[in-house]
PDB file of N, CA and C in Angstrom:
ATOM      1  N   MET A   1     -49.034 -39.913   1.442  1.00  0.00           N
ATOM      2  CA  MET A   1     -50.329 -39.992   1.697  1.00  0.00           C
ATOM      3  C   MET A   1     -50.919 -41.446   2.150  1.00  0.00           C
ATOM      4  N   ARG A   2     -50.200 -42.338   1.231  1.00  0.00           N
ATOM      5  CA  ARG A   2     -50.893 -43.818   1.389  1.00  0.00           C
ATOM      6  C   ARG A   2     -50.516 -44.102   2.907  1.00  0.00           C
ATOM      7  N   ASP A   3     -50.031 -43.755   3.711  1.00  0.00           N
ATOM      8  CA  ASP A   3     -49.799 -44.176   5.247  1.00  0.00           C
ATOM      9  C   ASP A   3     -50.895 -43.533   5.854  1.00  0.00           C
ATOM     10  N   ALA A   4     -51.329 -42.307   5.463  1.00  0.00           N
ATOM     11  CA  ALA A   4     -52.596 -41.613   6.225  1.00  0.00           C
ATOM     12  C   ALA A   4     -53.894 -41.985   5.661  1.00  0.00           C
ATOM     13  N   TYR A   5     -53.795 -42.833   4.473  1.00  0.00           N
ATOM     14  CA  TYR A   5     -55.130 -43.143   3.833  1.00  0.00           C
ATOM     15  C   TYR A   5     -56.022 -44.137   4.930  1.00  0.00           C
ATOM     16  N   THR A   6     -57.155 -43.794   4.987  1.00  0.00           N
ATOM     17  CA  THR A   6     -57.967 -44.725   5.994  1.00  0.00           C
ATOM     18  C   THR A   6     -58.781 -45.534   5.274  1.00  0.00           C
ATOM     19  N   ARG A   7     -58.461 -46.588   4.615  1.00  0.00           N
ATOM     20  CA  ARG A   7     -59.054 -47.675   3.700  1.00  0.00           C
ATOM     21  C   ARG A   7     -60.598 -48.066   4.224  1.00  0.00           C
ATOM     22  N   SER A   8     -60.751 -48.029   5.627  1.00  0.00           N
ATOM     23  CA  SER A   8     -62.019 -48.545   6.363  1.00  0.00           C
ATOM     24  C   SER A   8     -63.176 -47.477   5.850  1.00  0.00           C
ATOM     25  N   LEU A   9     -62.952 -46.186   5.808  1.00  0.00           N
ATOM     26  CA  LEU A   9     -63.697 -44.868   5.498  1.00  0.00           C
ATOM     27  C   LEU A   9     -63.760 -44.779   3.754  1.00  0.00           C
ATOM     28  N   ALA A  10     -63.229 -45.611   3.009  1.00  0.00           N
ATOM     29  CA  ALA A  10     -63.219 -45.515   1.486  1.00  0.00           C
ATOM     30  C   ALA A  10     -64.670 -45.340   0.959  1.00  0.00           C
ATOM     31  N   SER A  11     -65.336 -46.581   1.389  1.00  0.00           N
ATOM     32  CA  SER A  11     -66.902 -46.698   0.726  1.00  0.00           C
ATOM     33  C   SER A  11     -67.595 -45.348   1.208  1.00  0.00           C
ATOM     34  N   ARG A  12     -67.588 -45.002   2.494  1.00  0.00           N
ATOM     35  CA  ARG A  12     -68.351 -43.902   2.915  1.00  0.00           C
ATOM     36  C   ARG A  12     -68.008 -42.662   2.392  1.00  0.00           C
ATOM     37  N   ALA A  13     -66.538 -42.604   1.936  1.00  0.00           N
ATOM     38  CA  ALA A  13     -66.248 -41.280   1.232  1.00  0.00           C
ATOM     39  C   ALA A  13     -66.793 -41.322  -0.057  1.00  0.00           C
ATOM     40  N   SER A  14     -66.812 -42.546  -0.731  1.00  0.00           N
ATOM     41  CA  SER A  14     -67.558 -42.568  -2.026  1.00  0.00           C
ATOM     42  C   SER A  14     -68.951 -42.149  -1.979  1.00  0.00           C
ATOM     43  N   GLU A  15     -69.764 -42.631  -0.993  1.00  0.00           N
ATOM     44  CA  GLU A  15     -70.991 -42.281  -0.688  1.00  0.00           C
ATOM     45  C   GLU A  15     -71.203 -40.786  -0.389  1.00  0.00           C
ATOM     46  N   LEU A  16     -70.450 -40.351   0.212  1.00  0.00           N
ATOM     47  CA  LEU A  16     -70.425 -38.816   0.538  1.00  0.00           C
ATOM     48  C   LEU A  16     -70.302 -38.043  -1.059  1.00  0.00           C
ATOM     49  N   ARG A  17     -69.377 -38.491  -1.861  1.00  0.00           N
ATOM     50  CA  ARG A  17     -69.089 -37.883  -2.976  1.00  0.00           C
ATOM     51  C   ARG A  17     -70.224 -37.716  -3.860  1.00  0.00           C
ATOM     52  N   ASN A  18     -71.114 -38.824  -3.781  1.00  0.00           N
ATOM     53  CA  ASN A  18     -72.469 -39.126  -4.617  1.00  0.00           C
ATOM     54  C   ASN A  18     -73.700 -38.330  -3.968  1.00  0.00           C
ATOM     55  N   HIS A  19     -73.410 -37.828  -2.822  1.00  0.00           N
ATOM     56  CA  HIS A  19     -74.524 -37.310  -2.114  1.00  0.00           C
ATOM     57  C   HIS A  19     -74.158 -35.903  -1.681  1.00  0.00           C
ATOM     58  N   GLN A  20     -73.489 -35.017  -2.202  1.00  0.00           N
ATOM     59  CA  GLN A  20     -72.995 -33.925  -1.682  1.00  0.00           C
ATOM     60  C   GLN A  20     -73.911 -32.810  -1.210  1.00  0.00           C
ATOM     61  N   THR A  21     -73.747 -32.030  -0.238  1.00  0.00           N
ATOM     62  CA  THR A  21     -74.708 -30.889   0.117  1.00  0.00           C
ATOM     63  C   THR A  21     -74.518 -29.800  -0.873  1.00  0.00           C
ATOM     64  N   PRO A  22     -75.627 -29.138  -0.958  1.00  0.00           N
ATOM     65  CA  PRO A  22     -75.662 -28.137  -1.998  1.00  0.00           C
ATOM     66  C   PRO A  22     -74.364 -27.210  -1.818  1.00  0.00           C
ATOM     67  N   ALA A  23     -74.029 -26.898  -0.734  1.00  0.00           N
ATOM     68  CA  ALA A  23     -72.751 -26.044  -0.672  1.00  0.00           C
ATOM     69  C   ALA A  23     -71.497 -26.630  -1.224  1.00  0.00           C
ATOM     70  N   GLU A  24     -71.224 -27.967  -1.092  1.00  0.00           N
ATOM     71  CA  GLU A  24     -70.147 -28.927  -1.340  1.00  0.00           C
ATOM     72  C   GLU A  24     -70.365 -28.773  -2.877  1.00  0.00           C
ATOM     73  N   ARG A  25     -71.283 -29.248  -3.433  1.00  0.00           N
ATOM     74  CA  ARG A  25     -71.751 -29.071  -4.648  1.00  0.00           C
ATOM     75  C   ARG A  25     -71.284 -27.936  -5.794  1.00  0.00           C
ATOM     76  N   LYS A  26     -71.709 -26.965  -5.086  1.00  0.00           N
ATOM     77  CA  LYS A  26     -71.453 -25.481  -5.758  1.00  0.00           C
ATOM     78  C   LYS A  26     -69.929 -25.341  -5.533  1.00  0.00           C
ATOM     79  N   LEU A  27     -69.234 -25.339  -4.359  1.00  0.00           N
ATOM     80  CA  LEU A  27     -67.826 -25.222  -4.412  1.00  0.00           C
ATOM     81  C   LEU A  27     -67.109 -25.849  -5.024  1.00  0.00           C
ATOM     82  N   TRP A  28     -67.307 -27.259  -5.104  1.00  0.00           N
ATOM     83  CA  TRP A  28     -66.800 -28.341  -6.402  1.00  0.00           C
ATOM     84  C   TRP A  28     -66.886 -27.937  -7.686  1.00  0.00           C
ATOM     85  N   PHE A  29     -68.099 -27.919  -8.183  1.00  0.00           N
ATOM     86  CA  PHE A  29     -68.342 -27.743  -9.666  1.00  0.00           C
ATOM     87  C   PHE A  29     -68.052 -26.257 -10.092  1.00  0.00           C
ATOM     88  N   GLU A  30     -68.219 -25.364  -9.649  1.00  0.00           N
ATOM     89  CA  GLU A  30     -68.113 -23.911  -9.586  1.00  0.00           C
ATOM     90  C   GLU A  30     -66.731 -23.328  -9.469  1.00  0.00           C
ATOM     91  N   PHE A  31     -65.808 -24.018  -8.681  1.00  0.00           N
ATOM     92  CA  PHE A  31     -64.432 -23.490  -8.212  1.00  0.00           C
ATOM     93  C   PHE A  31     -63.498 -24.552  -8.215  1.00  0.00           C
ATOM     94  N   LEU A  32     -63.522 -25.411  -7.353  1.00  0.00           N
ATOM     95  CA  LEU A  32     -62.580 -26.193  -6.950  1.00  0.00           C
ATOM     96  C   LEU A  32     -61.996 -27.166  -8.149  1.00  0.00           C
ATOM     97  N   ARG A  33     -63.194 -27.740  -8.828  1.00  0.00           N
ATOM     98  CA  ARG A  33     -62.957 -28.808  -9.645  1.00  0.00           C
ATOM     99  C   ARG A  33     -61.799 -28.255 -10.813  1.00  0.00           C
ATOM    100  N   THR A  34     -61.940 -27.006 -11.139  1.00  0.00           N
ATOM    101  CA  THR A  34     -61.067 -26.430 -12.383  1.00  0.00           C
ATOM    102  C   THR A  34     -60.145 -25.648 -11.612  1.00  0.00           C
ATOM    103  N   HIS A  35     -59.644 -25.570 -10.415  1.00  0.00           N
ATOM    104  CA  HIS A  35     -58.827 -24.617  -9.740  1.00  0.00           C
ATOM    105  C   HIS A  35     -57.473 -25.108 -10.178  1.00  0.00           C
ATOM    106  N   PRO A  36     -56.453 -24.057 -10.126  1.00  0.00           N
ATOM    107  CA  PRO A  36     -55.147 -24.518 -10.729  1.00  0.00           C
ATOM    108  C   PRO A  36     -54.408 -25.432  -9.777  1.00  0.00           C
ATOM    109  N   VAL A  37     -54.905 -25.298  -8.519  1.00  0.00           N
ATOM    110  CA  VAL A  37     -54.268 -26.239  -7.439  1.00  0.00           C
ATOM    111  C   VAL A  37     -55.032 -27.421  -7.473  1.00  0.00           C
ATOM    112  N   LYS A  38     -54.680 -28.650  -7.615  1.00  0.00           N
ATOM    113  CA  LYS A  38     -55.543 -29.782  -7.648  1.00  0.00           C
ATOM    114  C   LYS A  38     -56.100 -30.106  -6.409  1.00  0.00           C
ATOM    115  N   PHE A  39     -57.565 -30.242  -6.249  1.00  0.00           N
ATOM    116  CA  PHE A  39     -58.391 -30.877  -4.974  1.00  0.00           C
ATOM    117  C   PHE A  39     -58.894 -32.154  -5.311  1.00  0.00           C
ATOM    118  N   ARG A  40     -59.031 -33.039  -4.325  1.00  0.00           N
ATOM    119  CA  ARG A  40     -59.905 -33.921  -4.290  1.00  0.00           C
ATOM    120  C   ARG A  40     -61.050 -33.804  -3.381  1.00  0.00           C
ATOM    121  N   ARG A  41     -62.171 -34.726  -3.687  1.00  0.00           N
ATOM    122  CA  ARG A  41     -63.421 -34.744  -3.033  1.00  0.00           C
ATOM    123  C   ARG A  41     -63.385 -35.774  -1.831  1.00  0.00           C
ATOM    124  N   GLN A  42     -63.996 -35.539  -0.539  1.00  0.00           N
ATOM    125  CA  GLN A  42     -64.130 -36.642   0.242  1.00  0.00           C
ATOM    126  C   GLN A  42     -62.952 -37.661   0.369  1.00  0.00           C
ATOM    127  N   VAL A  43     -61.974 -37.068   0.838  1.00  0.00           N
ATOM    128  CA  VAL A  43     -60.668 -37.985   1.060  1.00  0.00           C
ATOM    129  C   VAL A  43     -60.718 -38.696   2.437  1.00  0.00           C
ATOM    130  N   PRO A  44     -60.511 -39.896   2.550  1.00  0.00           N
ATOM    131  CA  PRO A  44     -60.417 -40.486   3.960  1.00  0.00           C
ATOM    132  C   PRO A  44     -58.940 -40.640   4.220  1.00  0.00           C
ATOM    133  N   LEU A  45     -58.428 -39.587   5.260  1.00  0.00           N
ATOM    134  CA  LEU A  45     -57.292 -39.579   5.813  1.00  0.00           C
ATOM    135  C   LEU A  45     -57.033 -39.379   7.332  1.00  0.00           C
ATOM    136  N   HIS A  46     -56.151 -39.955   7.824  1.00  0.00           N
ATOM    137  CA  HIS A  46     -56.096 -40.143   9.346  1.00  0.00           C
ATOM    138  C   HIS A  46     -57.315 -40.079  10.144  1.00  0.00           C
ATOM    139  N   GLY A  47     -58.177 -41.019   9.691  1.00  0.00           N
ATOM    140  CA  GLY A  47     -59.395 -41.516  10.333  1.00  0.00           C
ATOM    141  C   GLY A  47     -60.360 -40.391  10.237  1.00  0.00           C
ATOM    142  N   TYR A  48     -60.411 -39.687   9.383  1.00  0.00           N
ATOM    143  CA  TYR A  48     -61.485 -38.572   8.965  1.00  0.00           C
ATOM    144  C   TYR A  48     -61.813 -38.755   7.538  1.00  0.00           C
ATOM    145  N   ILE A  49     -62.953 -38.200   7.215  1.00  0.00           N
ATOM    146  CA  ILE A  49     -63.206 -37.883   5.668  1.00  0.00           C
ATOM    147  C   ILE A  49     -63.096 -36.388   5.541  1.00  0.00           C
ATOM    148  N   LEU A  50     -62.041 -35.975   4.602  1.00  0.00           N
ATOM    149  CA  LEU A  50     -61.981 -34.430   4.510  1.00  0.00           C
ATOM    150  C   LEU A  50     -62.703 -34.131   3.441  1.00  0.00           C
ATOM    151  N   ASP A  51     -63.621 -33.025   3.381  1.00  0.00           N
ATOM    152  CA  ASP A  51     -64.542 -32.371   2.435  1.00  0.00           C
ATOM    153  C   ASP A  51     -63.651 -32.155   1.156  1.00  0.00           C
ATOM    154  N   PHE A  52     -62.531 -31.378   1.229  1.00  0.00           N
ATOM    155  CA  PHE A  52     -61.733 -31.367   0.080  1.00  0.00           C
ATOM    156  C   PHE A  52     -60.330 -31.208   0.589  1.00  0.00           C
ATOM    157  N   TYR A  53     -59.382 -31.865  -0.301  1.00  0.00           N
ATOM    158  CA  TYR A  53     -58.127 -31.856   0.147  1.00  0.00           C
ATOM    159  C   TYR A  53     -57.050 -31.764  -0.935  1.00  0.00           C
ATOM    160  N   SER A  54     -56.244 -30.878  -0.931  1.00  0.00           N
ATOM    161  CA  SER A  54     -55.078 -30.712  -1.848  1.00  0.00           C
ATOM    162  C   SER A  54     -53.933 -31.209  -1.331  1.00  0.00           C
ATOM    163  N   PRO A  55     -53.304 -32.398  -1.986  1.00  0.00           N
ATOM    164  CA  PRO A  55     -52.205 -33.056  -1.405  1.00  0.00           C
ATOM    165  C   PRO A  55     -50.950 -32.271  -1.687  1.00  0.00           C
ATOM    166  N   SER A  56     -50.928 -31.572  -2.687  1.00  0.00           N
ATOM    167  CA  SER A  56     -49.841 -30.763  -2.957  1.00  0.00           C
ATOM    168  C   SER A  56     -49.482 -29.838  -1.872  1.00  0.00           C
ATOM    169  N   LEU A  57     -50.518 -29.099  -1.541  1.00  0.00           N
ATOM    170  CA  LEU A  57     -50.349 -28.026  -0.284  1.00  0.00           C
ATOM    171  C   LEU A  57     -50.692 -28.542   1.053  1.00  0.00           C
ATOM    172  N   LYS A  58     -51.155 -29.881   1.246  1.00  0.00           N
ATOM    173  CA  LYS A  58     -51.554 -30.340   2.463  1.00  0.00           C
ATOM    174  C   LYS A  58     -52.528 -29.421   3.149  1.00  0.00           C
ATOM    175  N   LEU A  59     -53.584 -29.146   2.316  1.00  0.00           N
ATOM    176  CA  LEU A  59     -54.761 -28.139   2.632  1.00  0.00           C
ATOM    177  C   LEU A  59     -55.890 -28.751   2.546  1.00  0.00           C
ATOM    178  N   CYS A  60     -56.737 -28.688   3.732  1.00  0.00           N
ATOM    179  CA  CYS A  60     -58.189 -29.283   3.699  1.00  0.00           C
ATOM    180  C   CYS A  60     -58.996 -28.166   3.735  1.00  0.00           C
ATOM    181  N   ILE A  61     -59.973 -28.311   3.174  1.00  0.00           N
ATOM    182  CA  ILE A  61     -61.159 -27.177   3.240  1.00  0.00           C
ATOM    183  C   ILE A  61     -62.301 -27.920   3.751  1.00  0.00           C
ATOM    184  N   GLU A  62     -62.892 -27.545   4.806  1.00  0.00           N
ATOM    185  CA  GLU A  62     -64.043 -28.188   5.253  1.00  0.00           C
ATOM    186  C   GLU A  62     -65.273 -27.056   5.116  1.00  0.00           C
ATOM    187  N   LEU A  63     -66.515 -27.727   5.246  1.00  0.00           N
ATOM    188  CA  LEU A  63     -67.752 -26.748   5.011  1.00  0.00           C
ATOM    189  C   LEU A  63     -68.529 -27.348   5.983  1.00  0.00           C
ATOM    190  N   ASP A  64     -69.025 -26.648   6.840  1.00  0.00           N
ATOM    191  CA  ASP A  64     -69.743 -26.887   8.216  1.00  0.00           C
ATOM    192  C   ASP A  64     -71.139 -26.359   8.017  1.00  0.00           C
ATOM    193  N   GLY A  65     -72.053 -27.202   8.294  1.00  0.00           N
ATOM    194  CA  GLY A  65     -73.440 -26.850   8.118  1.00  0.00           C
ATOM    195  C   GLY A  65     -73.836 -26.780   9.617  1.00  0.00           C
ATOM    196  N   ARG A  66     -75.210 -26.597   9.742  1.00  0.00           N
ATOM    197  CA  ARG A  66     -75.858 -26.304  11.084  1.00  0.00           C
ATOM    198  C   ARG A  66     -75.593 -27.457  12.165  1.00  0.00           C
ATOM    199  N   SER A  67     -75.351 -28.517  11.599  1.00  0.00           N
ATOM    200  CA  SER A  67     -74.964 -29.851  12.543  1.00  0.00           C
ATOM    201  C   SER A  67     -73.547 -29.477  13.418  1.00  0.00           C
ATOM    202  N   HIS A  68     -72.989 -28.452  13.099  1.00  0.00           N
ATOM    203  CA  HIS A  68     -71.723 -28.221  13.590  1.00  0.00           C
ATOM    204  C   HIS A  68     -71.587 -27.058  14.594  1.00  0.00           C
ATOM    205  N   ASP A  69     -73.249 -26.413  14.793  1.00  0.00           N
ATOM    206  CA  ASP A  69     -73.134 -25.544  15.744  1.00  0.00           C
ATOM    207  C   ASP A  69     -73.261 -25.829  17.308  1.00  0.00           C
ATOM    208  N   GLY A  70     -73.583 -26.990  17.605  1.00  0.00           N
ATOM    209  CA  GLY A  70     -73.614 -27.413  18.842  1.00  0.00           C
ATOM    210  C   GLY A  70     -72.087 -27.370  19.585  1.00  0.00           C
ATOM    211  N   GLN A  71     -72.195 -27.476  20.708  1.00  0.00           N
ATOM    212  CA  GLN A  71     -70.897 -27.498  21.501  1.00  0.00           C
ATOM    213  C   GLN A  71     -70.021 -28.668  21.417  1.00  0.00           C
ATOM    214  N   ALA A  72     -70.955 -29.853  21.453  1.00  0.00           N
ATOM    215  CA  ALA A  72     -70.344 -31.186  21.180  1.00  0.00           C
ATOM    216  C   ALA A  72     -69.556 -31.243  19.706  1.00  0.00           C
ATOM    217  N   ALA A  73     -70.280 -30.641  18.616  1.00  0.00           N
ATOM    218  CA  ALA A  73     -69.851 -30.915  17.487  1.00  0.00           C
ATOM    219  C   ALA A  73     -68.627 -29.934  17.384  1.00  0.00           C
ATOM    220  N   GLN A  74     -68.775 -28.613  18.033  1.00  0.00           N
ATOM    221  CA  GLN A  74     -67.418 -27.624  17.937  1.00  0.00           C
ATOM    222  C   GLN A  74     -66.298 -28.303  18.549  1.00  0.00           C
ATOM    223  N   GLN A  75     -66.471 -29.056  19.703  1.00  0.00           N
ATOM    224  CA  GLN A  75     -65.385 -29.660  20.372  1.00  0.00           C
ATOM    225  C   GLN A  75     -64.603 -30.818  19.433  1.00  0.00           C
ATOM    226  N   TYR A  76     -65.677 -31.773  18.982  1.00  0.00           N
ATOM    227  CA  TYR A  76     -65.098 -32.862  17.971  1.00  0.00           C
ATOM    228  C   TYR A  76     -64.514 -31.869  16.701  1.00  0.00           C
ATOM    229  N   ASP A  77     -64.914 -30.914  16.087  1.00  0.00           N
ATOM    230  CA  ASP A  77     -64.157 -30.439  14.986  1.00  0.00           C
ATOM    231  C   ASP A  77     -62.902 -29.560  15.616  1.00  0.00           C
ATOM    232  N   ALA A  78     -62.756 -29.234  16.766  1.00  0.00           N
ATOM    233  CA  ALA A  78     -61.580 -28.694  17.122  1.00  0.00           C
ATOM    234  C   ALA A  78     -60.505 -29.631  17.494  1.00  0.00           C
ATOM    235  N   GLU A  79     -60.771 -30.822  17.898  1.00  0.00           N
ATOM    236  CA  GLU A  79     -60.070 -31.910  18.070  1.00  0.00           C
ATOM    237  C   GLU A  79     -59.682 -32.491  16.685  1.00  0.00           C
ATOM    238  N   ARG A  80     -60.422 -32.506  15.881  1.00  0.00           N
ATOM    239  CA  ARG A  80     -60.137 -33.065  14.535  1.00  0.00           C
ATOM    240  C   ARG A  80     -59.164 -32.133  13.696  1.00  0.00           C
ATOM    241  N   THR A  81     -59.536 -30.808  13.640  1.00  0.00           N
ATOM    242  CA  THR A  81     -58.274 -29.768  13.520  1.00  0.00           C
ATOM    243  C   THR A  81     -57.189 -30.019  14.178  1.00  0.00           C
ATOM    244  N   ARG A  82     -57.028 -30.041  15.324  1.00  0.00           N
ATOM    245  CA  ARG A  82     -55.863 -30.436  16.084  1.00  0.00           C
ATOM    246  C   ARG A  82     -54.900 -31.472  15.589  1.00  0.00           C
ATOM    247  N   GLN A  83     -55.657 -32.636  15.435  1.00  0.00           N
ATOM    248  CA  GLN A  83     -55.191 -34.083  14.949  1.00  0.00           C
ATOM    249  C   GLN A  83     -54.545 -33.685  13.368  1.00  0.00           C
ATOM    250  N   LEU A  84     -55.319 -33.209  12.734  1.00  0.00           N
ATOM    251  CA  LEU A  84     -54.998 -32.985  11.201  1.00  0.00           C
ATOM    252  C   LEU A  84     -53.804 -32.055  11.175  1.00  0.00           C
ATOM    253  N   THR A  85     -53.899 -31.024  11.846  1.00  0.00           N
ATOM    254  CA  THR A  85     -52.914 -29.904  11.788  1.00  0.00           C
ATOM    255  C   THR A  85     -51.395 -30.519  12.336  1.00  0.00           C
ATOM    256  N   ALA A  86     -51.667 -31.375  13.431  1.00  0.00           N
ATOM    257  CA  ALA A  86     -50.299 -32.293  14.075  1.00  0.00           C
ATOM    258  C   ALA A  86     -49.703 -33.113  12.916  1.00  0.00           C
ATOM    259  N   SER A  87     -50.582 -33.503  11.836  1.00  0.00           N
ATOM    260  CA  SER A  87     -50.168 -34.408  11.053  1.00  0.00           C
ATOM    261  C   SER A  87     -49.712 -33.606   9.695  1.00  0.00           C
ATOM    262  N   GLY A  88     -49.494 -32.320   9.824  1.00  0.00           N
ATOM    263  CA  GLY A  88     -49.167 -31.361   8.907  1.00  0.00           C
ATOM    264  C   GLY A  88     -50.153 -30.806   7.800  1.00  0.00           C
ATOM    265  N   ILE A  89     -51.444 -31.166   8.064  1.00  0.00           N
ATOM    266  CA  ILE A  89     -52.550 -30.678   7.213  1.00  0.00           C
ATOM    267  C   ILE A  89     -52.986 -29.436   7.712  1.00  0.00           C
ATOM    268  N   ARG A  90     -53.025 -28.356   6.966  1.00  0.00           N
ATOM    269  CA  ARG A  90     -53.815 -27.123   7.246  1.00  0.00           C
ATOM    270  C   ARG A  90     -55.156 -27.179   6.919  1.00  0.00           C
ATOM    271  N   VAL A  91     -56.135 -26.850   7.899  1.00  0.00           N
ATOM    272  CA  VAL A  91     -57.566 -26.816   7.785  1.00  0.00           C
ATOM    273  C   VAL A  91     -58.245 -25.454   7.597  1.00  0.00           C
ATOM    274  N   VAL A  92     -58.828 -25.126   6.794  1.00  0.00           N
ATOM    275  CA  VAL A  92     -59.545 -23.950   6.616  1.00  0.00           C
ATOM    276  C   VAL A  92     -61.034 -24.334   6.580  1.00  0.00           C
ATOM    277  N   ARG A  93     -61.714 -23.772   7.423  1.00  0.00           N
ATOM    278  CA  ARG A  93     -63.344 -23.985   7.322  1.00  0.00           C
ATOM    279  C   ARG A  93     -64.094 -23.048   6.929  1.00  0.00           C
ATOM    280  N   PHE A  94     -65.327 -23.052   6.266  1.00  0.00           N
ATOM    281  CA  PHE A  94     -66.242 -22.080   5.910  1.00  0.00           C
ATOM    282  C   PHE A  94     -67.641 -22.767   6.372  1.00  0.00           C
ATOM    283  N   SER A  95     -68.582 -22.141   6.552  1.00  0.00           N
ATOM    284  CA  SER A  95     -69.922 -22.332   6.706  1.00  0.00           C
ATOM    285  C   SER A  95     -70.650 -22.820   5.545  1.00  0.00           C
ATOM    286  N   ASN A  96     -71.519 -23.581   5.354  1.00  0.00           N
ATOM    287  CA  ASN A  96     -72.319 -23.551   4.101  1.00  0.00           C
ATOM    288  C   ASN A  96     -72.998 -22.590   3.661  1.00  0.00           C
ATOM    289  N   ALA A  97     -73.444 -21.569   4.574  1.00  0.00           N
ATOM    290  CA  ALA A  97     -73.984 -20.294   4.294  1.00  0.00           C
ATOM    291  C   ALA A  97     -73.110 -19.332   3.836  1.00  0.00           C
ATOM    292  N   GLU A  98     -71.864 -19.378   4.229  1.00  0.00           N
ATOM    293  CA  GLU A  98     -70.821 -18.685   3.480  1.00  0.00           C
ATOM    294  C   GLU A  98     -70.781 -18.972   2.126  1.00  0.00           C
ATOM    295  N   VAL A  99     -70.538 -20.201   1.852  1.00  0.00           N
ATOM    296  CA  VAL A  99     -70.323 -20.717   0.473  1.00  0.00           C
ATOM    297  C   VAL A  99     -71.605 -20.324  -0.395  1.00  0.00           C
ATOM    298  N   LEU A 100     -72.573 -20.487   0.155  1.00  0.00           N
ATOM    299  CA  LEU A 100     -74.083 -20.307  -0.655  1.00  0.00           C
ATOM    300  C   LEU A 100     -74.411 -18.654  -0.848  1.00  0.00           C
ATOM    301  N   GLY A 101     -73.875 -17.760   0.317  1.00  0.00           N
ATOM    302  CA  GLY A 101     -74.002 -16.558   0.207  1.00  0.00           C
ATOM    303  C   GLY A 101     -73.045 -15.579  -0.122  1.00  0.00           C
ATOM    304  N   GLN A 102     -71.781 -15.947   0.065  1.00  0.00           N
ATOM    305  CA  GLN A 102     -70.906 -15.018   0.114  1.00  0.00           C
ATOM    306  C   GLN A 102     -69.738 -15.980  -0.949  1.00  0.00           C
ATOM    307  N   PHE A 103     -70.261 -16.460  -2.244  1.00  0.00           N
ATOM    308  CA  PHE A 103     -69.263 -17.567  -2.851  1.00  0.00           C
ATOM    309  C   PHE A 103     -68.168 -16.845  -3.648  1.00  0.00           C
ATOM    310  N   VAL A 104     -68.169 -15.567  -3.918  1.00  0.00           N
ATOM    311  CA  VAL A 104     -66.870 -14.873  -4.472  1.00  0.00           C
ATOM    312  C   VAL A 104     -65.860 -14.652  -3.347  1.00  0.00           C
ATOM    313  N   GLU A 105     -66.283 -14.156  -2.304  1.00  0.00           N
ATOM    314  CA  GLU A 105     -65.626 -14.008  -1.252  1.00  0.00           C
ATOM    315  C   GLU A 105     -64.707 -15.293  -0.750  1.00  0.00           C
ATOM    316  N   VAL A 106     -65.666 -16.350  -0.617  1.00  0.00           N
ATOM    317  CA  VAL A 106     -65.153 -17.538  -0.258  1.00  0.00           C
ATOM    318  C   VAL A 106     -63.988 -18.239  -1.381  1.00  0.00           C
ATOM    319  N   GLY A 107     -64.242 -17.875  -2.556  1.00  0.00           N
ATOM    320  CA  GLY A 107     -63.237 -18.244  -3.603  1.00  0.00           C
ATOM    321  C   GLY A 107     -61.922 -17.404  -3.373  1.00  0.00           C
ATOM    322  N   ALA A 108     -62.158 -16.169  -2.989  1.00  0.00           N
ATOM    323  CA  ALA A 108     -60.961 -15.377  -3.038  1.00  0.00           C
ATOM    324  C   ALA A 108     -60.123 -15.679  -1.865  1.00  0.00           C
ATOM    325  N   ALA A 109     -61.002 -16.116  -0.839  1.00  0.00           N
ATOM    326  CA  ALA A 109     -60.062 -16.701   0.567  1.00  0.00           C
ATOM    327  C   ALA A 109     -59.330 -17.902   0.143  1.00  0.00           C
ATOM    328  N   ILE A 110     -60.068 -18.793  -0.452  1.00  0.00           N
ATOM    329  CA  ILE A 110     -59.143 -19.956  -0.716  1.00  0.00           C
ATOM    330  C   ILE A 110     -58.068 -19.762  -1.835  1.00  0.00           C
ATOM    331  N   ASP A 111     -58.273 -18.875  -2.881  1.00  0.00           N
ATOM    332  CA  ASP A 111     -57.110 -18.587  -3.842  1.00  0.00           C
ATOM    333  C   ASP A 111     -56.210 -18.106  -2.507  1.00  0.00           C
ATOM    334  N   GLY A 112     -56.319 -17.130  -1.883  1.00  0.00           N
ATOM    335  CA  GLY A 112     -55.499 -16.466  -0.976  1.00  0.00           C
ATOM    336  C   GLY A 112     -54.545 -17.382  -0.187  1.00  0.00           C
ATOM    337  N   VAL A 113     -55.226 -18.462   0.404  1.00  0.00           N
ATOM    338  CA  VAL A 113     -54.725 -19.660   1.197  1.00  0.00           C
ATOM    339  C   VAL A 113     -53.754 -20.482   0.157  1.00  0.00           C
ATOM    340  N   CYS A 114     -54.254 -20.557  -0.883  1.00  0.00           N
ATOM    341  CA  CYS A 114     -53.485 -21.527  -1.966  1.00  0.00           C
ATOM    342  C   CYS A 114     -52.186 -20.678  -2.360  1.00  0.00           C
ATOM    343  N   ARG A 115     -52.154 -19.631  -2.410  1.00  0.00           N
ATOM    344  CA  ARG A 115     -51.122 -18.658  -2.730  1.00  0.00           C
ATOM    345  C   ARG A 115     -50.107 -18.227  -1.527  1.00  0.00           C
ATOM    346  N   GLY A 116     -50.602 -18.511  -0.342  1.00  0.00           N
ATOM    347  CA  GLY A 116     -49.943 -18.207   0.995  1.00  0.00           C
ATOM    348  C   GLY A 116     -50.022 -16.715   1.386  1.00  0.00           C
ATOM    349  N   ASP A 117     -51.136 -16.213   0.690  1.00  0.00           N
ATOM    350  CA  ASP A 117     -51.342 -14.818   1.265  1.00  0.00           C
ATOM    351  C   ASP A 117     -52.474 -14.770   2.493  1.00  0.00           C
ATOM    352  N   ALA A 118     -53.133 -15.652   2.526  1.00  0.00           N
ATOM    353  CA  ALA A 118     -54.219 -15.247   3.612  1.00  0.00           C
ATOM    354  C   ALA A 118     -53.890 -16.025   4.960  1.00  0.00           C
ATOM    355  N   PRO A 119     -54.276 -15.289   5.927  1.00  0.00           N
ATOM    356  CA  PRO A 119     -53.771 -15.831   7.403  1.00  0.00           C
ATOM    357  C   PRO A 119     -54.559 -16.822   7.816  1.00  0.00           C
ATOM    358  N   PHE A 120     -55.295 -17.657   7.167  1.00  0.00           N
ATOM    359  CA  PHE A 120     -55.788 -18.979   7.777  1.00  0.00           C
ATOM    360  C   PHE A 120     -54.790 -19.778   8.242  1.00  0.00           C
TER     361      PHE A 120
END
C-alpha cells in the first residue's frame, strides 16, 4: 500500500475524517469501526481519497451523496472506479440515503462482500 499512498492528499483526508457526513459517521461508528475486518477511514490511495478501505481485502466502500447524481459526477465516479479496480481494489458504492434509511441491509451487504458471498 505504501506505493499507492498519495501523500499530497493526506492533510485533506485528515480534514475529511474530522468532518464526516452523517452517513459516513453512522456507518463508521455503528458498524465498520468494530467490524471483524479492519477498515480505515478516508484513505488517500492512487490519487483519490477512499471513504472506507480494508487493506486486507483490498475493498473500498464509497458513500455517495446527492452531489454524485449529475452526469459529470457519475462519469468521474465511473473512471475512479475503473482506475481503482485496475489497481486491484474492489469498489462497493452505497448512497447516503441507503445508509441512513436501510442501515441493516447495508451492513448485511458489506458483511456479504467481506465474506465473498455478495455479487458486488
